[in-house]
C-alpha atoms as a PDB file:
ATOM      1  CA  MET A   1     142.547 -11.710 311.782  1.00  0.00           C
ATOM      2  CA  LYS A   2     143.279 -10.147 308.423  1.00  0.00           C
ATOM      3  CA  ARG A   3     146.936  -9.976 309.387  1.00  0.00           C
ATOM      4  CA  LEU A   4     146.893 -13.652 310.294  1.00  0.00           C
ATOM      5  CA  ILE A   5     145.362 -14.557 306.912  1.00  0.00           C
ATOM      6  CA  ALA A   6     147.857 -12.297 305.127  1.00  0.00           C
ATOM      7  CA  LEU A   7     150.680 -13.896 307.114  1.00  0.00           C
ATOM      8  CA  GLY A   8     149.389 -17.381 306.198  1.00  0.00           C
ATOM      9  CA  LEU A   9     149.151 -16.440 302.512  1.00  0.00           C
ATOM     10  CA  ALA A  10     152.640 -14.946 302.619  1.00  0.00           C
ATOM     11  CA  ALA A  11     154.001 -18.119 304.254  1.00  0.00           C
ATOM     12  CA  ALA A  12     152.267 -20.297 301.654  1.00  0.00           C
ATOM     13  CA  ALA A  13     153.672 -18.115 298.858  1.00  0.00           C
ATOM     14  CA  VAL A  14     157.193 -18.323 300.313  1.00  0.00           C
ATOM     15  CA  LEU A  15     156.968 -22.126 300.622  1.00  0.00           C
ATOM     16  CA  THR A  16     155.604 -22.477 297.092  1.00  0.00           C
ATOM     17  CA  LEU A  17     158.284 -20.229 295.605  1.00  0.00           C
ATOM     18  CA  SER A  18     161.063 -21.943 297.546  1.00  0.00           C
ATOM     19  CA  GLY A  19     159.792 -25.331 296.354  1.00  0.00           C
ATOM     20  CA  THR A  20     159.743 -24.073 292.776  1.00  0.00           C
ATOM     21  CA  ALA A  21     163.277 -22.706 293.113  1.00  0.00           C
ATOM     22  CA  SER A  22     164.413 -25.972 294.662  1.00  0.00           C
ATOM     23  CA  ALA A  23     162.865 -27.954 291.795  1.00  0.00           C
ATOM     24  CA  HIS A  24     164.520 -25.640 289.309  1.00  0.00           C
ATOM     25  CA  ASP A  25     167.906 -26.212 291.015  1.00  0.00           C
ATOM     26  CA  ARG A  26     167.379 -29.978 290.967  1.00  0.00           C
ATOM     27  CA  TYR A  27     166.539 -29.864 287.262  1.00  0.00           C
ATOM     28  CA  GLU A  28     169.627 -27.748 286.577  1.00  0.00           C
ATOM     29  CA  ARG A  29     171.830 -30.250 288.424  1.00  0.00           C
ATOM     30  CA  TYR A  30     170.178 -33.120 286.517  1.00  0.00           C
ATOM     31  CA  ARG A  31     170.800 -31.353 283.207  1.00  0.00           C
ATOM     32  CA  LEU A  32     174.438 -30.650 284.107  1.00  0.00           C
ATOM     33  CA  ARG A  33     175.009 -34.274 285.171  1.00  0.00           C
ATOM     34  CA  ALA A  34     173.465 -35.473 281.897  1.00  0.00           C
ATOM     35  CA  GLU A  35     175.759 -33.137 279.957  1.00  0.00           C
ATOM     36  CA  VAL A  36     178.806 -34.385 281.868  1.00  0.00           C
ATOM     37  CA  ARG A  37     177.796 -38.012 281.196  1.00  0.00           C
ATOM     38  CA  ARG A  38     177.367 -37.221 277.512  1.00  0.00           C
ATOM     39  CA  GLU A  39     180.798 -35.571 277.347  1.00  0.00           C
ATOM     40  CA  ALA A  40     182.380 -38.525 279.166  1.00  0.00           C
ATOM     41  CA  ARG A  41     180.725 -40.951 276.748  1.00  0.00           C
ATOM     42  CA  LEU A  42     181.989 -38.965 273.756  1.00  0.00           C
ATOM     43  CA  ALA A  43     185.496 -38.814 275.227  1.00  0.00           C
ATOM     44  CA  SER A  44     185.404 -42.571 275.820  1.00  0.00           C
ATOM     45  CA  ARG A  45     184.303 -43.200 272.233  1.00  0.00           C
ATOM     46  CA  ASP A  46     187.058 -40.947 270.923  1.00  0.00           C
ATOM     47  CA  ALA A  47     189.619 -42.816 273.024  1.00  0.00           C
ATOM     48  CA  GLN A  48     188.329 -46.172 271.774  1.00  0.00           C
ATOM     49  CA  ARG A  49     188.425 -44.922 268.183  1.00  0.00           C
ATOM     50  CA  SER A  50     192.017 -43.713 268.627  1.00  0.00           C
ATOM     51  CA  MET A  51     193.054 -47.052 270.120  1.00  0.00           C
ATOM     52  CA  ARG A  52     191.403 -48.898 267.236  1.00  0.00           C
ATOM     53  CA  GLU A  53     193.177 -46.693 264.701  1.00  0.00           C
ATOM     54  CA  ALA A  54     196.500 -47.172 266.508  1.00  0.00           C
ATOM     55  CA  ARG A  55     196.045 -50.952 266.502  1.00  0.00           C
ATOM     56  CA  ARG A  56     195.209 -50.901 262.805  1.00  0.00           C
ATOM     57  CA  ALA A  57     198.250 -48.751 262.037  1.00  0.00           C
ATOM     58  CA  PHE A  58     200.440 -51.109 264.066  1.00  0.00           C
ATOM     59  CA  ALA A  59     199.046 -54.167 262.289  1.00  0.00           C
ATOM     60  CA  ARG A  60     199.502 -52.487 258.917  1.00  0.00           C
ATOM     61  CA  ALA A  61     203.100 -51.561 259.772  1.00  0.00           C
ATOM     62  CA  ARG A  62     203.800 -55.094 261.018  1.00  0.00           C
ATOM     63  CA  TRP A  63     202.373 -56.562 257.819  1.00  0.00           C
ATOM     64  CA  GLN A  64     204.407 -54.143 255.695  1.00  0.00           C
ATOM     65  CA  ALA A  65     207.562 -55.015 257.647  1.00  0.00           C
ATOM     66  CA  GLY A  66     206.902 -58.713 257.019  1.00  0.00           C
ATOM     67  CA  VAL A  67     206.472 -58.077 253.301  1.00  0.00           C
ATOM     68  CA  GLU A  68     209.677 -56.047 253.191  1.00  0.00           C
ATOM     69  CA  ALA A  69     211.546 -58.743 255.151  1.00  0.00           C
ATOM     70  CA  ARG A  70     210.341 -61.441 252.748  1.00  0.00           C
ATOM     71  CA  ASP A  71     211.379 -59.305 249.798  1.00  0.00           C
ATOM     72  CA  ALA A  72     214.807 -58.716 251.343  1.00  0.00           C
ATOM     73  CA  ILE A  73     215.270 -62.444 251.994  1.00  0.00           C
ATOM     74  CA  ARG A  74     214.196 -63.242 248.428  1.00  0.00           C
ATOM     75  CA  GLU A  75     216.654 -60.697 247.034  1.00  0.00           C
ATOM     76  CA  ALA A  76     219.450 -62.048 249.262  1.00  0.00           C
ATOM     77  CA  ARG A  77     218.769 -65.603 248.077  1.00  0.00           C
ATOM     78  CA  GLN A  78     218.768 -64.467 244.468  1.00  0.00           C
ATOM     79  CA  ALA A  79     222.056 -62.650 245.058  1.00  0.00           C
ATOM     80  CA  VAL A  80     223.586 -65.777 246.620  1.00  0.00           C
ATOM     81  CA  LEU A  81     222.355 -67.957 243.749  1.00  0.00           C
ATOM     82  CA  GLU A  82     223.720 -65.491 241.214  1.00  0.00           C
ATOM     83  CA  ALA A  83     227.072 -65.415 243.036  1.00  0.00           C
ATOM     84  CA  MET A  84     227.153 -69.234 243.009  1.00  0.00           C
ATOM     85  CA  ARG A  85     226.406 -69.249 239.266  1.00  0.00           C
ATOM     86  CA  GLU A  86     229.162 -66.748 238.643  1.00  0.00           C
ATOM     87  CA  ALA A  87     231.590 -68.829 240.730  1.00  0.00           C
ATOM     88  CA  ARG A  88     230.668 -71.993 238.774  1.00  0.00           C
ATOM     89  CA  ARG A  89     231.104 -70.169 235.466  1.00  0.00           C
ATOM     90  CA  ALA A  90     234.442 -68.796 236.581  1.00  0.00           C
ATOM     91  CA  ALA A  91     235.585 -72.254 237.691  1.00  0.00           C
ATOM     92  CA  ARG A  92     234.365 -73.778 234.436  1.00  0.00           C
ATOM     93  CA  ASP A  93     236.094 -71.112 232.361  1.00  0.00           C
ATOM     94  CA  ALA A  94     239.310 -71.549 234.347  1.00  0.00           C
ATOM     95  CA  TYR A  95     239.155 -75.306 233.875  1.00  0.00           C
ATOM     96  CA  ARG A  96     238.591 -74.899 230.156  1.00  0.00           C
ATOM     97  CA  ARG A  97     241.534 -72.534 229.850  1.00  0.00           C
ATOM     98  CA  TRP A  98     243.720 -75.012 231.710  1.00  0.00           C
ATOM     99  CA  TYR A  99     243.141 -77.626 229.078  1.00  0.00           C
END
C-alpha cells in the first residue's frame, strides 16, 4: 500500500514537473516569437525610413536639376541677346563707316 501511495505521489510529481517544463517551453517560444516580431517591425521601419530618405533625395535632386536647367536657359538667352546686340552694333558701325 505504501508503495502504491509512493508510486502515485511519484506519478503526480512527474506530471506536475512535466507540465511546468511544458509551460516554460511555451513561454520561451512566446518570448522568441515576440522578439522576432519586434525585430521584423524595426527592420520594416528602417526600410520605410530609407525609402522616405531616398524619395526626399530624389525630389531634392530633381528640384536642383530644374533650377540648374532654368539658370542654363536664362544664361543661354542672355548670351543670344548679347550676340544680337553685338551684331546690331557691328551692322550699325559698318553702315556708319560706309557713309
